[in-house]
Amino acid sequence: MKAFFTRVFQCLALILFVGLVGGVLAHAAHAQLPRDGTLAIMVPYPAGGASDIIARTVSASLAEKLGRPVVVENLGGASGAIAARKVLNAPANGLYLYQGTPNELILSPLVNSALKISPDDFQLVQLNTYTPIVLVARATLSANTTDELITLARQSSKTQPLNYGSVGPGSLYHLLAERLGQTIGATMTHVPYKGGAPLLQDMAGDNVDFAFLPYYAAIDGMVAAGRIKIIGQASATRAQTLPNIPTMTEGKLLKNFYFTVWGGYLVKKGTPPAVQTQLFNALQAVMAEPKVRETLVANSMIVGKPMTLEEAAKFYVNEALVYQKLVKDVGIQRQ
């Protein structure tokens, strides 16, 4: 298994770097987005979650910049592969933007051989956000801090293990819970969902004990209503957007547990460089708009640092290698 992942990512790094950077640096073929047609932002999760909020915040301004209709299409399932396949089955003309994270395009194919997608099927055009990851739990769980959760998880391993939800097998949030279990020496049961919104609804109904999720404002609403609670955040330090939420490592029982997640807009590999540039310029202008930034910050998201297309290509390659290591460390077997 170790040799398999090493070979896969040696090839992947070369393919991604040559394909993505080479494509970006190639001379533009004077292609542009088709004159007519609606641009679709494909969100690989149901409506109501963090990804959906970002897409709907961006879509109206993007429509203005491009001078064409922009719609948000939610297509959850198969750890993001269903939405990814729709993009890949369409022409590489830029009319389908995949709003993705490492979950769907890097991690999921590593652990699920049935997902016939690969990171090098896509090219990163622009980052949108970095998002703090929080550990949320059902309101009735008898733990209110990370140390209390760890103690409860260890005790429950001997009788009825705690269960945790995720947005799909092989997702970052699945791997984080597995890493937590390994780190603290506790057995826990995985319950996969198609997205964060249905997971939180089940958690509010006491059907799921806890989960790692990207933070967004709707979580606060559920906390205020007493339906769920936030145990901690997985950042190295308290995020500026979450100053009152302790990090998971502020207690005594857990150290060196630091994670955030980025999101971005990707196109099908082979999309003409001039089209990528057109989308890049429009998205960069959208992400610089005060009203867009204010909405994202109000949802406790950190607006991504602007990158050139070449920088985005290199970033994507490096992230693929980072998450390869996480999969190896956790020891998830490819199915």
C-alpha atoms as a PDB file:
ATOM      1  CA  MET A   1       0.000   0.000   0.000  1.00  0.00           C
ATOM      2  CA  LYS A   2       2.811   2.416   0.872  1.00  0.00           C
ATOM      3  CA  ALA A   3       4.554   1.683  -2.429  1.00  0.00           C
ATOM      4  CA  PHE A   4       1.246   2.202  -4.277  1.00  0.00           C
ATOM      5  CA  PHE A   5       0.700   5.685  -2.821  1.00  0.00           C
ATOM      6  CA  THR A   6       4.336   6.647  -3.432  1.00  0.00           C
ATOM      7  CA  ARG A   7       4.153   5.647  -7.121  1.00  0.00           C
ATOM      8  CA  VAL A   8       0.779   7.305  -7.578  1.00  0.00           C
ATOM      9  CA  PHE A   9       1.884  10.644  -6.183  1.00  0.00           C
ATOM     10  CA  GLN A  10       5.265  10.697  -7.900  1.00  0.00           C
ATOM     11  CA  CYS A  11       3.357  10.418 -11.157  1.00  0.00           C
ATOM     12  CA  LEU A  12       0.646  12.792  -9.973  1.00  0.00           C
ATOM     13  CA  ALA A  13       3.081  15.535  -9.007  1.00  0.00           C
ATOM     14  CA  LEU A  14       4.782  15.384 -12.411  1.00  0.00           C
ATOM     15  CA  ILE A  15       1.495  15.258 -14.335  1.00  0.00           C
ATOM     16  CA  LEU A  16      -0.060  18.092 -12.349  1.00  0.00           C
ATOM     17  CA  PHE A  17       2.950  20.371 -12.587  1.00  0.00           C
ATOM     18  CA  VAL A  18       3.593  19.830 -16.275  1.00  0.00           C
ATOM     19  CA  GLY A  19      -0.082  19.851 -17.204  1.00  0.00           C
ATOM     20  CA  LEU A  20      -1.268  22.705 -15.019  1.00  0.00           C
ATOM     21  CA  VAL A  21       1.691  25.059 -15.195  1.00  0.00           C
ATOM     22  CA  GLY A  22       2.396  24.218 -18.809  1.00  0.00           C
ATOM     23  CA  GLY A  23      -1.198  24.900 -19.748  1.00  0.00           C
ATOM     24  CA  VAL A  24      -1.214  28.208 -17.930  1.00  0.00           C
ATOM     25  CA  LEU A  25       2.026  29.401 -19.495  1.00  0.00           C
ATOM     26  CA  ALA A  26       1.092  28.333 -23.011  1.00  0.00           C
ATOM     27  CA  HIS A  27       0.278  31.058 -25.506  1.00  0.00           C
ATOM     28  CA  ALA A  28      -3.394  31.949 -25.413  1.00  0.00           C
ATOM     29  CA  ALA A  29      -5.389  30.534 -28.271  1.00  0.00           C
ATOM     30  CA  HIS A  30      -7.664  33.606 -28.371  1.00  0.00           C
ATOM     31  CA  ALA A  31     -10.485  31.446 -27.052  1.00  0.00           C
ATOM     32  CA  GLN A  32     -13.014  33.026 -24.742  1.00  0.00           C
ATOM     33  CA  LEU A  33     -16.069  31.814 -22.895  1.00  0.00           C
ATOM     34  CA  PRO A  34     -18.837  30.931 -25.359  1.00  0.00           C
ATOM     35  CA  ARG A  35     -20.759  34.041 -26.386  1.00  0.00           C
ATOM     36  CA  ASP A  36     -24.020  32.671 -24.998  1.00  0.00           C
ATOM     37  CA  GLY A  37     -24.856  30.264 -22.232  1.00  0.00           C
ATOM     38  CA  THR A  38     -25.271  30.101 -18.491  1.00  0.00           C
ATOM     39  CA  LEU A  39     -22.243  29.463 -16.302  1.00  0.00           C
ATOM     40  CA  ALA A  40     -22.858  26.866 -13.590  1.00  0.00           C
ATOM     41  CA  ILE A  41     -21.032  26.722 -10.271  1.00  0.00           C
ATOM     42  CA  MET A  42     -21.131  23.062  -9.296  1.00  0.00           C
ATOM     43  CA  VAL A  43     -21.358  22.577  -5.532  1.00  0.00           C
ATOM     44  CA  PRO A  44     -20.786  18.926  -4.541  1.00  0.00           C
ATOM     45  CA  TYR A  45     -23.015  19.146  -1.462  1.00  0.00           C
ATOM     46  CA  PRO A  46     -26.697  19.826  -0.740  1.00  0.00           C
ATOM     47  CA  ALA A  47     -27.951  23.375  -0.248  1.00  0.00           C
ATOM     48  CA  GLY A  48     -27.493  24.975   3.153  1.00  0.00           C
ATOM     49  CA  GLY A  49     -23.880  24.072   3.922  1.00  0.00           C
ATOM     50  CA  ALA A  50     -20.700  26.148   3.918  1.00  0.00           C
ATOM     51  CA  SER A  51     -19.894  25.436   0.252  1.00  0.00           C
ATOM     52  CA  ASP A  52     -23.387  26.484  -0.781  1.00  0.00           C
ATOM     53  CA  ILE A  53     -23.093  29.770   1.132  1.00  0.00           C
ATOM     54  CA  ILE A  54     -19.829  30.624  -0.627  1.00  0.00           C
ATOM     55  CA  ALA A  55     -21.207  29.807  -4.079  1.00  0.00           C
ATOM     56  CA  ARG A  56     -24.344  31.886  -3.616  1.00  0.00           C
ATOM     57  CA  THR A  57     -22.316  34.790  -2.258  1.00  0.00           C
ATOM     58  CA  VAL A  58     -20.060  34.741  -5.309  1.00  0.00           C
ATOM     59  CA  SER A  59     -22.576  33.922  -8.059  1.00  0.00           C
ATOM     60  CA  ALA A  60     -24.400  37.269  -8.339  1.00  0.00           C
ATOM     61  CA  SER A  61     -21.198  39.314  -8.544  1.00  0.00           C
ATOM     62  CA  LEU A  62     -19.634  36.837 -10.959  1.00  0.00           C
ATOM     63  CA  ALA A  63     -22.660  37.186 -13.247  1.00  0.00           C
ATOM     64  CA  GLU A  64     -22.133  40.949 -13.304  1.00  0.00           C
ATOM     65  CA  LYS A  65     -18.437  40.610 -14.101  1.00  0.00           C
ATOM     66  CA  LEU A  66     -18.979  38.103 -16.923  1.00  0.00           C
ATOM     67  CA  GLY A  67     -22.168  39.632 -18.280  1.00  0.00           C
ATOM     68  CA  ARG A  68     -24.036  36.329 -18.313  1.00  0.00           C
ATOM     69  CA  PRO A  69     -26.308  34.305 -16.017  1.00  0.00           C
ATOM     70  CA  VAL A  70     -24.558  32.314 -13.287  1.00  0.00           C
ATOM     71  CA  VAL A  71     -26.412  29.569 -11.431  1.00  0.00           C
ATOM     72  CA  VAL A  72     -25.477  27.436  -8.436  1.00  0.00           C
ATOM     73  CA  GLU A  73     -26.136  23.736  -8.919  1.00  0.00           C
ATOM     74  CA  ASN A  74     -26.036  21.493  -5.840  1.00  0.00           C
ATOM     75  CA  LEU A  75     -25.186  17.909  -6.697  1.00  0.00           C
ATOM     76  CA  GLY A  76     -24.141  15.950  -3.620  1.00  0.00           C
ATOM     77  CA  GLY A  77     -23.132  12.330  -3.293  1.00  0.00           C
ATOM     78  CA  ALA A  78     -20.210   9.963  -3.913  1.00  0.00           C
ATOM     79  CA  SER A  79     -17.844  12.234  -1.967  1.00  0.00           C
ATOM     80  CA  GLY A  80     -18.149  14.953  -4.606  1.00  0.00           C
ATOM     81  CA  ALA A  81     -17.587  12.659  -7.584  1.00  0.00           C
ATOM     82  CA  ILE A  82     -21.095  13.055  -9.036  1.00  0.00           C
ATOM     83  CA  ALA A  83     -20.651  16.809  -9.413  1.00  0.00           C
ATOM     84  CA  ALA A  84     -17.087  16.295 -10.650  1.00  0.00           C
ATOM     85  CA  ARG A  85     -18.232  13.862 -13.348  1.00  0.00           C
ATOM     86  CA  LYS A  86     -20.790  16.380 -14.588  1.00  0.00           C
ATOM     87  CA  VAL A  87     -18.011  18.922 -15.067  1.00  0.00           C
ATOM     88  CA  LEU A  88     -15.750  16.375 -16.756  1.00  0.00           C
ATOM     89  CA  ASN A  89     -18.512  15.204 -19.089  1.00  0.00           C
ATOM     90  CA  ALA A  90     -19.103  18.762 -20.307  1.00  0.00           C
ATOM     91  CA  PRO A  91     -16.952  20.562 -22.894  1.00  0.00           C
ATOM     92  CA  ALA A  92     -13.795  22.208 -21.537  1.00  0.00           C
ATOM     93  CA  ASN A  93     -15.121  25.676 -22.340  1.00  0.00           C
ATOM     94  CA  GLY A  94     -15.293  27.219 -18.856  1.00  0.00           C
ATOM     95  CA  LEU A  95     -19.073  27.157 -18.471  1.00  0.00           C
ATOM     96  CA  TYR A  96     -18.795  24.707 -15.570  1.00  0.00           C
ATOM     97  CA  LEU A  97     -16.872  25.807 -12.483  1.00  0.00           C
ATOM     98  CA  TYR A  98     -16.298  23.172  -9.823  1.00  0.00           C
ATOM     99  CA  GLN A  99     -16.293  24.687  -6.347  1.00  0.00           C
ATOM    100  CA  GLY A 100     -14.040  22.225  -4.593  1.00  0.00           C
ATOM    101  CA  THR A 101     -11.774  21.523  -1.655  1.00  0.00           C
ATOM    102  CA  PRO A 102      -9.131  18.847  -1.035  1.00  0.00           C
ATOM    103  CA  ASN A 103     -11.982  16.585   0.096  1.00  0.00           C
ATOM    104  CA  GLU A 104     -13.498  15.873  -3.276  1.00  0.00           C
ATOM    105  CA  LEU A 105     -10.678  15.993  -5.796  1.00  0.00           C
ATOM    106  CA  ILE A 106      -7.614  14.854  -3.821  1.00  0.00           C
ATOM    107  CA  LEU A 107      -8.637  12.787  -0.810  1.00  0.00           C
ATOM    108  CA  SER A 108     -11.672  10.883  -2.054  1.00  0.00           C
ATOM    109  CA  PRO A 109      -9.976   9.321  -5.123  1.00  0.00           C
ATOM    110  CA  LEU A 110      -7.105   8.217  -2.878  1.00  0.00           C
ATOM    111  CA  VAL A 111      -9.327   6.070  -0.693  1.00  0.00           C
ATOM    112  CA  ASN A 112     -12.082   5.018  -3.102  1.00  0.00           C
ATOM    113  CA  SER A 113     -11.054   3.317  -6.339  1.00  0.00           C
ATOM    114  CA  ALA A 114     -14.662   3.404  -7.557  1.00  0.00           C
ATOM    115  CA  LEU A 115     -14.457   7.183  -7.979  1.00  0.00           C
ATOM    116  CA  LYS A 116     -13.219   7.539 -11.523  1.00  0.00           C
ATOM    117  CA  ILE A 117     -11.746  10.987 -11.035  1.00  0.00           C
ATOM    118  CA  SER A 118      -8.235  12.234 -10.370  1.00  0.00           C
ATOM    119  CA  PRO A 119      -6.744  15.524  -9.132  1.00  0.00           C
ATOM    120  CA  ASP A 120      -5.100  16.051 -12.514  1.00  0.00           C
ATOM    121  CA  ASP A 121      -8.518  16.050 -14.225  1.00  0.00           C
ATOM    122  CA  PHE A 122      -8.897  19.637 -13.003  1.00  0.00           C
ATOM    123  CA  GLN A 123      -7.024  22.927 -12.963  1.00  0.00           C
ATOM    124  CA  LEU A 124      -7.256  25.377 -10.065  1.00  0.00           C
ATOM    125  CA  VAL A 125      -8.233  28.875 -11.204  1.00  0.00           C
ATOM    126  CA  GLN A 126      -8.699  30.787  -7.948  1.00  0.00           C
ATOM    127  CA  LEU A 127      -8.930  30.222  -4.209  1.00  0.00           C
ATOM    128  CA  ASN A 128     -12.008  31.571  -2.470  1.00  0.00           C
ATOM    129  CA  THR A 129     -11.649  30.898   1.259  1.00  0.00           C
ATOM    130  CA  TYR A 130      -9.824  29.258   4.087  1.00  0.00           C
ATOM    131  CA  THR A 131     -12.232  28.009   6.710  1.00  0.00           C
ATOM    132  CA  PRO A 132     -11.641  27.101  10.367  1.00  0.00           C
ATOM    133  CA  ILE A 133     -12.567  23.512  11.187  1.00  0.00           C
ATOM    134  CA  VAL A 134     -14.620  22.981  14.325  1.00  0.00           C
ATOM    135  CA  LEU A 135     -15.517  19.908  16.338  1.00  0.00           C
ATOM    136  CA  VAL A 136     -19.278  20.014  16.915  1.00  0.00           C
ATOM    137  CA  ALA A 137     -21.328  17.634  19.050  1.00  0.00           C
ATOM    138  CA  ARG A 138     -24.927  16.879  19.886  1.00  0.00           C
ATOM    139  CA  ALA A 139     -26.187  19.108  22.688  1.00  0.00           C
ATOM    140  CA  THR A 140     -26.873  16.144  24.989  1.00  0.00           C
ATOM    141  CA  LEU A 141     -23.372  14.660  24.758  1.00  0.00           C
ATOM    142  CA  SER A 142     -21.791  14.548  28.218  1.00  0.00           C
ATOM    143  CA  ALA A 143     -18.655  16.426  27.143  1.00  0.00           C
ATOM    144  CA  ASN A 144     -18.159  20.163  26.761  1.00  0.00           C
ATOM    145  CA  THR A 145     -14.404  20.414  26.198  1.00  0.00           C
ATOM    146  CA  THR A 146     -11.880  18.536  24.101  1.00  0.00           C
ATOM    147  CA  ASP A 147     -10.407  16.875  27.189  1.00  0.00           C
ATOM    148  CA  GLU A 148     -13.860  15.742  28.305  1.00  0.00           C
ATOM    149  CA  LEU A 149     -14.607  14.363  24.833  1.00  0.00           C
ATOM    150  CA  ILE A 150     -11.325  12.450  24.797  1.00  0.00           C
ATOM    151  CA  THR A 151     -12.053  10.961  28.215  1.00  0.00           C
ATOM    152  CA  LEU A 152     -15.580   9.996  27.158  1.00  0.00           C
ATOM    153  CA  ALA A 153     -14.364   8.466  23.884  1.00  0.00           C
ATOM    154  CA  ARG A 154     -11.803   6.335  25.695  1.00  0.00           C
ATOM    155  CA  GLN A 155     -14.361   5.130  28.223  1.00  0.00           C
ATOM    156  CA  SER A 156     -17.011   4.450  25.562  1.00  0.00           C
ATOM    157  CA  SER A 157     -14.587   2.347  23.505  1.00  0.00           C
ATOM    158  CA  LYS A 158     -15.011  -0.429  26.065  1.00  0.00           C
ATOM    159  CA  THR A 159     -18.814  -0.499  25.857  1.00  0.00           C
ATOM    160  CA  GLN A 160     -20.543   1.457  23.083  1.00  0.00           C
ATOM    161  CA  PRO A 161     -18.105   3.520  20.961  1.00  0.00           C
ATOM    162  CA  LEU A 162     -19.014   7.090  20.099  1.00  0.00           C
ATOM    163  CA  ASN A 163     -20.063   7.666  16.513  1.00  0.00           C
ATOM    164  CA  TYR A 164     -18.962  10.568  14.346  1.00  0.00           C
ATOM    165  CA  GLY A 165     -20.359  11.969  11.121  1.00  0.00           C
ATOM    166  CA  SER A 166     -18.556  13.162   8.007  1.00  0.00           C
ATOM    167  CA  VAL A 167     -19.453  14.531   4.580  1.00  0.00           C
ATOM    168  CA  GLY A 168     -18.293  11.271   3.008  1.00  0.00           C
ATOM    169  CA  PRO A 169     -15.750   8.443   3.202  1.00  0.00           C
ATOM    170  CA  GLY A 170     -12.243   9.695   2.583  1.00  0.00           C
ATOM    171  CA  SER A 171     -13.178  13.319   3.234  1.00  0.00           C
ATOM    172  CA  LEU A 172     -10.856  15.461   5.311  1.00  0.00           C
ATOM    173  CA  TYR A 173     -13.387  15.395   8.146  1.00  0.00           C
ATOM    174  CA  HIS A 174     -13.470  11.587   8.082  1.00  0.00           C
ATOM    175  CA  LEU A 175      -9.671  11.483   8.231  1.00  0.00           C
ATOM    176  CA  LEU A 176      -9.509  14.006  11.069  1.00  0.00           C
ATOM    177  CA  ALA A 177     -11.832  11.914  13.214  1.00  0.00           C
ATOM    178  CA  GLU A 178      -9.784   8.811  12.417  1.00  0.00           C
ATOM    179  CA  ARG A 179      -6.593  10.685  13.294  1.00  0.00           C
ATOM    180  CA  LEU A 180      -8.172  11.831  16.562  1.00  0.00           C
ATOM    181  CA  GLY A 181      -9.169   8.272  17.430  1.00  0.00           C
ATOM    182  CA  GLN A 182      -5.656   6.996  16.724  1.00  0.00           C
ATOM    183  CA  THR A 183      -4.043   9.819  18.679  1.00  0.00           C
ATOM    184  CA  ILE A 184      -6.140   9.310  21.811  1.00  0.00           C
ATOM    185  CA  GLY A 185      -6.386   5.518  21.556  1.00  0.00           C
ATOM    186  CA  ALA A 186     -10.163   5.294  21.166  1.00  0.00           C
ATOM    187  CA  THR A 187     -12.385   3.236  18.876  1.00  0.00           C
ATOM    188  CA  MET A 188     -15.187   5.230  17.195  1.00  0.00           C
ATOM    189  CA  THR A 189     -17.793   4.498  14.514  1.00  0.00           C
ATOM    190  CA  HIS A 190     -17.967   6.412  11.215  1.00  0.00           C
ATOM    191  CA  VAL A 191     -21.361   7.565   9.861  1.00  0.00           C
ATOM    192  CA  PRO A 192     -21.022   9.155   6.376  1.00  0.00           C
ATOM    193  CA  TYR A 193     -23.427  11.768   4.959  1.00  0.00           C
ATOM    194  CA  LYS A 194     -23.815  13.571   1.634  1.00  0.00           C
ATOM    195  CA  GLY A 195     -23.151  16.978   3.178  1.00  0.00           C
ATOM    196  CA  GLY A 196     -22.852  19.080   6.298  1.00  0.00           C
ATOM    197  CA  ALA A 197     -26.483  20.234   6.397  1.00  0.00           C
ATOM    198  CA  PRO A 198     -28.069  16.752   6.696  1.00  0.00           C
ATOM    199  CA  LEU A 199     -25.326  15.715   9.124  1.00  0.00           C
ATOM    200  CA  LEU A 200     -26.123  18.636  11.427  1.00  0.00           C
ATOM    201  CA  GLN A 201     -29.839  17.889  11.282  1.00  0.00           C
ATOM    202  CA  ASP A 202     -29.184  14.330  12.432  1.00  0.00           C
ATOM    203  CA  MET A 203     -26.823  15.583  15.121  1.00  0.00           C
ATOM    204  CA  ALA A 204     -29.531  17.953  16.375  1.00  0.00           C
ATOM    205  CA  GLY A 205     -31.790  14.898  16.560  1.00  0.00           C
ATOM    206  CA  ASP A 206     -29.241  13.080  18.763  1.00  0.00           C
ATOM    207  CA  ASN A 207     -28.383  10.554  16.043  1.00  0.00           C
ATOM    208  CA  VAL A 208     -24.712  11.544  15.723  1.00  0.00           C
ATOM    209  CA  ASP A 209     -22.339  12.168  18.627  1.00  0.00           C
ATOM    210  CA  PHE A 210     -19.855  14.545  17.012  1.00  0.00           C
ATOM    211  CA  ALA A 211     -18.224  15.630  13.762  1.00  0.00           C
ATOM    212  CA  PHE A 212     -15.493  17.783  12.302  1.00  0.00           C
ATOM    213  CA  LEU A 213     -16.935  20.397   9.938  1.00  0.00           C
ATOM    214  CA  PRO A 214     -15.902  23.673   8.325  1.00  0.00           C
ATOM    215  CA  TYR A 215     -17.351  26.458  10.422  1.00  0.00           C
ATOM    216  CA  TYR A 216     -20.145  28.617   9.004  1.00  0.00           C
ATOM    217  CA  ALA A 217     -22.736  30.917  10.552  1.00  0.00           C
ATOM    218  CA  ALA A 218     -25.614  28.409  10.492  1.00  0.00           C
ATOM    219  CA  ILE A 219     -23.734  26.391  13.102  1.00  0.00           C
ATOM    220  CA  ASP A 220     -23.956  29.360  15.471  1.00  0.00           C
ATOM    221  CA  GLY A 221     -27.704  29.495  14.958  1.00  0.00           C
ATOM    222  CA  MET A 222     -28.053  25.849  15.929  1.00  0.00           C
ATOM    223  CA  VAL A 223     -25.800  26.401  18.944  1.00  0.00           C
ATOM    224  CA  ALA A 224     -27.868  29.398  20.060  1.00  0.00           C
ATOM    225  CA  ALA A 225     -31.019  27.288  19.751  1.00  0.00           C
ATOM    226  CA  GLY A 226     -29.460  24.637  21.987  1.00  0.00           C
ATOM    227  CA  ARG A 227     -29.535  21.991  19.257  1.00  0.00           C
ATOM    228  CA  ILE A 228     -25.773  21.342  19.030  1.00  0.00           C
ATOM    229  CA  LYS A 229     -22.595  22.638  20.681  1.00  0.00           C
ATOM    230  CA  ILE A 230     -19.067  23.477  19.601  1.00  0.00           C
ATOM    231  CA  ILE A 231     -16.356  21.628  21.503  1.00  0.00           C
ATOM    232  CA  GLY A 232     -13.341  23.364  19.934  1.00  0.00           C
ATOM    233  CA  GLN A 233     -11.571  24.452  16.763  1.00  0.00           C
ATOM    234  CA  ALA A 234      -8.757  22.553  15.068  1.00  0.00           C
ATOM    235  CA  SER A 235      -6.615  25.623  14.335  1.00  0.00           C
ATOM    236  CA  ALA A 236      -3.146  26.113  15.811  1.00  0.00           C
ATOM    237  CA  THR A 237      -4.384  29.364  17.354  1.00  0.00           C
ATOM    238  CA  ARG A 238      -7.863  30.795  17.761  1.00  0.00           C
ATOM    239  CA  ALA A 239      -9.065  32.105  14.413  1.00  0.00           C
ATOM    240  CA  GLN A 240      -9.799  35.837  14.364  1.00  0.00           C
ATOM    241  CA  THR A 241     -13.317  34.946  13.271  1.00  0.00           C
ATOM    242  CA  LEU A 242     -13.779  32.581  16.259  1.00  0.00           C
ATOM    243  CA  PRO A 243     -12.050  34.306  19.182  1.00  0.00           C
ATOM    244  CA  ASN A 244     -14.267  32.709  21.836  1.00  0.00           C
ATOM    245  CA  ILE A 245     -13.885  29.107  20.681  1.00  0.00           C
ATOM    246  CA  PRO A 246     -10.890  27.336  22.294  1.00  0.00           C
ATOM    247  CA  THR A 247      -8.509  25.354  20.150  1.00  0.00           C
ATOM    248  CA  MET A 248      -8.555  21.613  20.689  1.00  0.00           C
ATOM    249  CA  THR A 249      -4.992  21.739  21.999  1.00  0.00           C
ATOM    250  CA  GLU A 250      -5.599  24.265  24.777  1.00  0.00           C
ATOM    251  CA  GLY A 251      -6.359  21.438  27.203  1.00  0.00           C
ATOM    252  CA  LYS A 252      -3.998  18.803  28.599  1.00  0.00           C
ATOM    253  CA  LEU A 253      -4.822  15.667  26.593  1.00  0.00           C
ATOM    254  CA  LEU A 254      -4.242  16.662  22.944  1.00  0.00           C
ATOM    255  CA  LYS A 255      -1.275  18.323  21.255  1.00  0.00           C
ATOM    256  CA  ASN A 256      -0.162  18.966  17.655  1.00  0.00           C
ATOM    257  CA  PHE A 257      -3.629  18.683  16.112  1.00  0.00           C
ATOM    258  CA  TYR A 258      -3.895  21.571  13.632  1.00  0.00           C
ATOM    259  CA  PHE A 259      -5.997  21.698  10.460  1.00  0.00           C
ATOM    260  CA  THR A 260      -7.852  24.216   8.275  1.00  0.00           C
ATOM    261  CA  VAL A 261      -9.414  23.729   4.837  1.00  0.00           C
ATOM    262  CA  TRP A 262      -9.218  25.774   1.645  1.00  0.00           C
ATOM    263  CA  GLY A 263     -11.771  26.073  -1.104  1.00  0.00           C
ATOM    264  CA  GLY A 264     -11.424  27.178  -4.686  1.00  0.00           C
ATOM    265  CA  TYR A 265     -12.757  27.214  -8.225  1.00  0.00           C
ATOM    266  CA  LEU A 266     -11.535  24.639 -10.697  1.00  0.00           C
ATOM    267  CA  VAL A 267     -12.132  23.940 -14.369  1.00  0.00           C
ATOM    268  CA  LYS A 268     -11.808  20.827 -16.465  1.00  0.00           C
ATOM    269  CA  LYS A 269      -8.246  20.172 -17.593  1.00  0.00           C
ATOM    270  CA  GLY A 270      -7.791  21.341 -21.149  1.00  0.00           C
ATOM    271  CA  THR A 271      -9.836  24.504 -20.717  1.00  0.00           C
ATOM    272  CA  PRO A 272      -8.109  27.064 -22.995  1.00  0.00           C
ATOM    273  CA  PRO A 273      -5.633  29.310 -21.165  1.00  0.00           C
ATOM    274  CA  ALA A 274      -7.449  32.448 -22.347  1.00  0.00           C
ATOM    275  CA  VAL A 275     -10.697  31.164 -20.829  1.00  0.00           C
ATOM    276  CA  GLN A 276      -8.906  30.393 -17.581  1.00  0.00           C
ATOM    277  CA  THR A 277      -7.513  33.921 -17.586  1.00  0.00           C
ATOM    278  CA  GLN A 278     -10.975  35.377 -18.223  1.00  0.00           C
ATOM    279  CA  LEU A 279     -12.415  33.403 -15.298  1.00  0.00           C
ATOM    280  CA  PHE A 280      -9.413  34.195 -13.108  1.00  0.00           C
ATOM    281  CA  ASN A 281      -9.774  37.942 -13.681  1.00  0.00           C
ATOM    282  CA  ALA A 282     -13.512  37.861 -12.991  1.00  0.00           C
ATOM    283  CA  LEU A 283     -13.150  35.757  -9.839  1.00  0.00           C
ATOM    284  CA  GLN A 284     -10.299  37.880  -8.539  1.00  0.00           C
ATOM    285  CA  ALA A 285     -12.465  40.987  -8.954  1.00  0.00           C
ATOM    286  CA  VAL A 286     -15.390  39.283  -7.219  1.00  0.00           C
ATOM    287  CA  MET A 287     -13.280  38.161  -4.257  1.00  0.00           C
ATOM    288  CA  ALA A 288     -11.988  41.730  -3.840  1.00  0.00           C
ATOM    289  CA  GLU A 289     -15.482  43.222  -3.555  1.00  0.00           C
ATOM    290  CA  PRO A 290     -16.235  44.532  -0.044  1.00  0.00           C
ATOM    291  CA  LYS A 291     -19.787  43.126  -0.008  1.00  0.00           C
ATOM    292  CA  VAL A 292     -18.532  39.649  -0.908  1.00  0.00           C
ATOM    293  CA  ARG A 293     -15.736  39.738   1.647  1.00  0.00           C
ATOM    294  CA  GLU A 294     -18.075  41.052   4.341  1.00  0.00           C
ATOM    295  CA  THR A 295     -20.538  38.220   3.756  1.00  0.00           C
ATOM    296  CA  LEU A 296     -17.819  35.574   3.871  1.00  0.00           C
ATOM    297  CA  VAL A 297     -16.229  37.050   6.995  1.00  0.00           C
ATOM    298  CA  ALA A 298     -19.667  37.239   8.633  1.00  0.00           C
ATOM    299  CA  ASN A 299     -19.804  33.482   8.114  1.00  0.00           C
ATOM    300  CA  SER A 300     -16.390  33.182   9.829  1.00  0.00           C
ATOM    301  CA  MET A 301     -14.572  32.385   6.604  1.00  0.00           C
ATOM    302  CA  ILE A 302     -11.138  33.762   5.780  1.00  0.00           C
ATOM    303  CA  VAL A 303     -10.897  35.150   2.255  1.00  0.00           C
ATOM    304  CA  GLY A 304      -8.170  33.372   0.318  1.00  0.00           C
ATOM    305  CA  LYS A 305      -4.941  35.119  -0.619  1.00  0.00           C
ATOM    306  CA  PRO A 306      -4.892  36.193  -4.292  1.00  0.00           C
ATOM    307  CA  MET A 307      -2.720  33.975  -6.491  1.00  0.00           C
ATOM    308  CA  THR A 308      -1.649  34.067 -10.109  1.00  0.00           C
ATOM    309  CA  LEU A 309      -2.666  31.118 -12.274  1.00  0.00           C
ATOM    310  CA  GLU A 310       0.888  29.792 -12.096  1.00  0.00           C
ATOM    311  CA  GLU A 311       0.916  30.090  -8.302  1.00  0.00           C
ATOM    312  CA  ALA A 312      -2.444  28.338  -8.124  1.00  0.00           C
ATOM    313  CA  ALA A 313      -1.080  25.457 -10.194  1.00  0.00           C
ATOM    314  CA  LYS A 314       1.922  25.026  -7.898  1.00  0.00           C
ATOM    315  CA  PHE A 315      -0.272  25.323  -4.812  1.00  0.00           C
ATOM    316  CA  TYR A 316      -2.560  22.558  -6.104  1.00  0.00           C
ATOM    317  CA  VAL A 317       0.393  20.216  -6.695  1.00  0.00           C
ATOM    318  CA  ASN A 318       1.782  20.840  -3.212  1.00  0.00           C
ATOM    319  CA  GLU A 319      -1.600  20.295  -1.571  1.00  0.00           C
ATOM    320  CA  ALA A 320      -1.948  16.937  -3.312  1.00  0.00           C
ATOM    321  CA  LEU A 321       1.311  15.846  -1.690  1.00  0.00           C
ATOM    322  CA  VAL A 322       0.247  17.141   1.739  1.00  0.00           C
ATOM    323  CA  TYR A 323      -2.944  15.105   1.682  1.00  0.00           C
ATOM    324  CA  GLN A 324      -1.162  12.028   0.375  1.00  0.00           C
ATOM    325  CA  LYS A 325       0.850  12.099   3.595  1.00  0.00           C
ATOM    326  CA  LEU A 326      -2.286  12.486   5.719  1.00  0.00           C
ATOM    327  CA  VAL A 327      -3.850   9.408   4.119  1.00  0.00           C
ATOM    328  CA  LYS A 328      -0.662   7.422   4.739  1.00  0.00           C
ATOM    329  CA  ASP A 329      -0.414   8.570   8.341  1.00  0.00           C
ATOM    330  CA  VAL A 330      -4.018   7.676   9.122  1.00  0.00           C
ATOM    331  CA  GLY A 331      -3.681   4.351   7.325  1.00  0.00           C
ATOM    332  CA  ILE A 332      -6.970   4.454   5.423  1.00  0.00           C
ATOM    333  CA  GLN A 333      -7.040   1.534   3.008  1.00  0.00           C
ATOM    334  CA  ARG A 334      -8.022   2.183  -0.606  1.00  0.00           C
ATOM    335  CA  GLN A 335     -11.259   0.354  -1.317  1.00  0.00           C
END
